[in-house]
Amino acid sequence: MITSCSPGWIKHIEHQFPTGLDHLSTCKSPHTMMGAVVKSFYAERTGGCINGGGQPRCHEEGYREKRSHALYSEDERKSMRKSHENPDLMKLYEDYLGAPGGHLSHKLHHTTYTPRGRYNELV
């Protein structure tokens, strides 16, 4: 089993080693999983997507370092750092996703790959 959240790595496997796709994890990256859940869960309940644009890009000098420090500092202060023990996540599964690994959970958290061949001759 190979796992990767890198689109570049996936493209490389699809084009250069299409016979290896069966050994590639179908799990989406964590932020893509969350995006799929948020878009479907909240869109069904509120009738739309939340802001829809992601985080704005900032070109200010030192912004990345400040943002990185803020995110890591916030994470360090959290009393709960294991997602599977998060009561809100447990409630989301109970109310919306069903069992972990269930149909809806799998649909939102996994993707598919296409054997393409080096020059897209397999598509």
C-alpha atoms as a PDB file:
ATOM      1  CA  MET A   1       0.000   0.000   0.000  1.00  0.00           C
ATOM      2  CA  ILE A   2       1.322   3.405  -0.991  1.00  0.00           C
ATOM      3  CA  THR A   3      -0.232   6.526   0.438  1.00  0.00           C
ATOM      4  CA  SER A   4       0.211  10.048  -0.760  1.00  0.00           C
ATOM      5  CA  CYS A   5      -1.725  13.294  -0.621  1.00  0.00           C
ATOM      6  CA  SER A   6       0.474  14.838  -3.313  1.00  0.00           C
ATOM      7  CA  PRO A   7      -1.273  15.441  -6.649  1.00  0.00           C
ATOM      8  CA  GLY A   8       2.130  15.401  -8.342  1.00  0.00           C
ATOM      9  CA  TRP A   9       2.921  11.950  -6.974  1.00  0.00           C
ATOM     10  CA  ILE A  10      -0.512  10.670  -8.036  1.00  0.00           C
ATOM     11  CA  LYS A  11      -0.021  12.077 -11.546  1.00  0.00           C
ATOM     12  CA  HIS A  12       3.383  10.362 -11.695  1.00  0.00           C
ATOM     13  CA  ILE A  13       1.862   6.988 -10.766  1.00  0.00           C
ATOM     14  CA  GLU A  14      -1.091   7.409 -13.161  1.00  0.00           C
ATOM     15  CA  HIS A  15       1.245   8.247 -16.060  1.00  0.00           C
ATOM     16  CA  GLN A  16       4.406   6.254 -15.372  1.00  0.00           C
ATOM     17  CA  PHE A  17       3.193   3.205 -13.408  1.00  0.00           C
ATOM     18  CA  PRO A  18      -0.547   2.754 -14.148  1.00  0.00           C
ATOM     19  CA  THR A  19      -0.400  -0.922 -13.161  1.00  0.00           C
ATOM     20  CA  GLY A  20       0.495   0.194  -9.622  1.00  0.00           C
ATOM     21  CA  LEU A  21      -2.783   2.067  -9.042  1.00  0.00           C
ATOM     22  CA  ASP A  22      -4.287  -0.894  -7.164  1.00  0.00           C
ATOM     23  CA  HIS A  23      -1.609  -0.414  -4.504  1.00  0.00           C
ATOM     24  CA  LEU A  24      -2.302   3.308  -4.036  1.00  0.00           C
ATOM     25  CA  SER A  25      -4.444   4.469  -1.120  1.00  0.00           C
ATOM     26  CA  THR A  26      -7.643   6.204  -2.189  1.00  0.00           C
ATOM     27  CA  CYS A  27      -7.719   8.404   0.927  1.00  0.00           C
ATOM     28  CA  LYS A  28      -7.933  12.083   0.172  1.00  0.00           C
ATOM     29  CA  SER A  29      -5.690  14.508   2.021  1.00  0.00           C
ATOM     30  CA  PRO A  30      -7.049  15.578   5.436  1.00  0.00           C
ATOM     31  CA  HIS A  31      -8.009  19.071   4.275  1.00  0.00           C
ATOM     32  CA  THR A  32      -9.729  17.657   1.185  1.00  0.00           C
ATOM     33  CA  MET A  33     -11.651  15.172   3.353  1.00  0.00           C
ATOM     34  CA  MET A  34     -12.788  17.988   5.609  1.00  0.00           C
ATOM     35  CA  GLY A  35     -13.704  20.128   2.621  1.00  0.00           C
ATOM     36  CA  ALA A  36     -15.903  17.372   1.213  1.00  0.00           C
ATOM     37  CA  VAL A  37     -17.643  16.910   4.568  1.00  0.00           C
ATOM     38  CA  VAL A  38     -18.136  20.641   5.119  1.00  0.00           C
ATOM     39  CA  LYS A  39     -19.426  21.219   1.591  1.00  0.00           C
ATOM     40  CA  SER A  40     -21.954  18.387   1.812  1.00  0.00           C
ATOM     41  CA  PHE A  41     -22.917  18.521   5.503  1.00  0.00           C
ATOM     42  CA  TYR A  42     -23.315  22.291   5.809  1.00  0.00           C
ATOM     43  CA  ALA A  43     -24.613  22.803   2.285  1.00  0.00           C
ATOM     44  CA  GLU A  44     -27.443  20.356   2.999  1.00  0.00           C
ATOM     45  CA  ARG A  45     -28.323  22.179   6.219  1.00  0.00           C
ATOM     46  CA  THR A  46     -27.777  25.807   5.237  1.00  0.00           C
ATOM     47  CA  GLY A  47     -28.409  25.704   1.491  1.00  0.00           C
ATOM     48  CA  GLY A  48     -24.910  26.703   0.447  1.00  0.00           C
ATOM     49  CA  CYS A  49     -21.166  26.590   0.862  1.00  0.00           C
ATOM     50  CA  ILE A  50     -19.276  28.508   3.561  1.00  0.00           C
ATOM     51  CA  ASN A  51     -17.418  31.405   1.865  1.00  0.00           C
ATOM     52  CA  GLY A  52     -16.364  29.019  -0.908  1.00  0.00           C
ATOM     53  CA  GLY A  53     -12.954  30.544  -1.622  1.00  0.00           C
ATOM     54  CA  GLY A  54     -10.519  29.100   0.892  1.00  0.00           C
ATOM     55  CA  GLN A  55      -7.977  31.234   2.678  1.00  0.00           C
ATOM     56  CA  PRO A  56      -6.890  34.451   0.973  1.00  0.00           C
ATOM     57  CA  ARG A  57      -3.272  34.715  -0.157  1.00  0.00           C
ATOM     58  CA  CYS A  58      -1.127  37.296   1.549  1.00  0.00           C
ATOM     59  CA  HIS A  59       2.164  38.560   0.131  1.00  0.00           C
ATOM     60  CA  GLU A  60       3.208  40.510   3.234  1.00  0.00           C
ATOM     61  CA  GLU A  61       6.818  39.968   4.316  1.00  0.00           C
ATOM     62  CA  GLY A  62       6.982  37.384   7.126  1.00  0.00           C
ATOM     63  CA  TYR A  63       3.296  36.412   6.798  1.00  0.00           C
ATOM     64  CA  ARG A  64       3.993  32.701   6.321  1.00  0.00           C
ATOM     65  CA  GLU A  65       6.123  32.547   9.450  1.00  0.00           C
ATOM     66  CA  LYS A  66       3.482  34.400  11.498  1.00  0.00           C
ATOM     67  CA  ARG A  67       0.697  32.185  10.169  1.00  0.00           C
ATOM     68  CA  SER A  68       2.714  29.031  10.772  1.00  0.00           C
ATOM     69  CA  HIS A  69       3.559  30.097  14.330  1.00  0.00           C
ATOM     70  CA  ALA A  70      -0.081  30.956  15.053  1.00  0.00           C
ATOM     71  CA  LEU A  71      -1.339  27.582  13.797  1.00  0.00           C
ATOM     72  CA  TYR A  72       1.241  25.529  15.680  1.00  0.00           C
ATOM     73  CA  SER A  73       0.778  27.576  18.864  1.00  0.00           C
ATOM     74  CA  GLU A  74      -2.962  27.088  18.738  1.00  0.00           C
ATOM     75  CA  ASP A  75      -2.533  23.345  18.216  1.00  0.00           C
ATOM     76  CA  GLU A  76      -0.133  23.056  21.174  1.00  0.00           C
ATOM     77  CA  ARG A  77      -2.707  24.690  23.487  1.00  0.00           C
ATOM     78  CA  LYS A  78      -5.471  22.237  22.554  1.00  0.00           C
ATOM     79  CA  SER A  79      -6.552  19.907  25.319  1.00  0.00           C
ATOM     80  CA  MET A  80      -7.782  17.375  22.775  1.00  0.00           C
ATOM     81  CA  ARG A  81      -5.424  16.472  19.945  1.00  0.00           C
ATOM     82  CA  LYS A  82      -6.827  13.137  18.728  1.00  0.00           C
ATOM     83  CA  SER A  83      -9.558  13.597  16.132  1.00  0.00           C
ATOM     84  CA  HIS A  84     -11.190  10.221  16.805  1.00  0.00           C
ATOM     85  CA  GLU A  85     -11.838  11.322  20.417  1.00  0.00           C
ATOM     86  CA  ASN A  86     -13.389  14.641  19.401  1.00  0.00           C
ATOM     87  CA  PRO A  87     -17.025  14.728  20.594  1.00  0.00           C
ATOM     88  CA  ASP A  88     -18.021  16.980  17.694  1.00  0.00           C
ATOM     89  CA  LEU A  89     -16.546  14.554  15.184  1.00  0.00           C
ATOM     90  CA  MET A  90     -18.226  11.632  16.952  1.00  0.00           C
ATOM     91  CA  LYS A  91     -21.548  13.533  16.731  1.00  0.00           C
ATOM     92  CA  LEU A  92     -20.943  14.253  13.023  1.00  0.00           C
ATOM     93  CA  TYR A  93     -20.577  10.522  12.405  1.00  0.00           C
ATOM     94  CA  GLU A  94     -23.641   9.769  14.517  1.00  0.00           C
ATOM     95  CA  ASP A  95     -25.842  12.428  12.869  1.00  0.00           C
ATOM     96  CA  TYR A  96     -24.555  12.484   9.301  1.00  0.00           C
ATOM     97  CA  LEU A  97     -21.746  10.180   8.181  1.00  0.00           C
ATOM     98  CA  GLY A  98     -22.881   6.950   9.807  1.00  0.00           C
ATOM     99  CA  ALA A  99     -20.214   4.434  10.739  1.00  0.00           C
ATOM    100  CA  PRO A 100     -16.534   5.121  10.054  1.00  0.00           C
ATOM    101  CA  GLY A 101     -15.818   3.441   6.737  1.00  0.00           C
ATOM    102  CA  GLY A 102     -19.527   3.504   5.847  1.00  0.00           C
ATOM    103  CA  HIS A 103     -20.827   4.436   2.388  1.00  0.00           C
ATOM    104  CA  LEU A 104     -21.162   8.226   2.845  1.00  0.00           C
ATOM    105  CA  SER A 105     -17.962   8.470   4.875  1.00  0.00           C
ATOM    106  CA  HIS A 106     -16.070   6.537   2.192  1.00  0.00           C
ATOM    107  CA  LYS A 107     -17.610   8.595  -0.619  1.00  0.00           C
ATOM    108  CA  LEU A 108     -16.518  11.874   0.981  1.00  0.00           C
ATOM    109  CA  HIS A 109     -13.094  10.739   2.217  1.00  0.00           C
ATOM    110  CA  HIS A 110     -11.798   8.740  -0.754  1.00  0.00           C
ATOM    111  CA  THR A 111     -11.075   9.374  -4.415  1.00  0.00           C
ATOM    112  CA  THR A 112     -10.424   7.345  -7.562  1.00  0.00           C
ATOM    113  CA  TYR A 113      -7.442   7.201  -9.879  1.00  0.00           C
ATOM    114  CA  THR A 114      -7.199   6.757 -13.641  1.00  0.00           C
ATOM    115  CA  PRO A 115      -4.537   4.699 -15.415  1.00  0.00           C
ATOM    116  CA  ARG A 116      -3.309   7.191 -18.015  1.00  0.00           C
ATOM    117  CA  GLY A 117      -0.031   5.890 -19.410  1.00  0.00           C
ATOM    118  CA  ARG A 118       2.965   8.022 -20.193  1.00  0.00           C
ATOM    119  CA  TYR A 119       1.248   9.873 -23.052  1.00  0.00           C
ATOM    120  CA  ASN A 120      -2.388   9.432 -21.914  1.00  0.00           C
ATOM    121  CA  GLU A 121      -2.710   6.461 -24.263  1.00  0.00           C
ATOM    122  CA  LEU A 122      -4.687   4.495 -21.627  1.00  0.00           C
ATOM    123  CA  VAL A 123      -7.381   7.144 -21.173  1.00  0.00           C
END
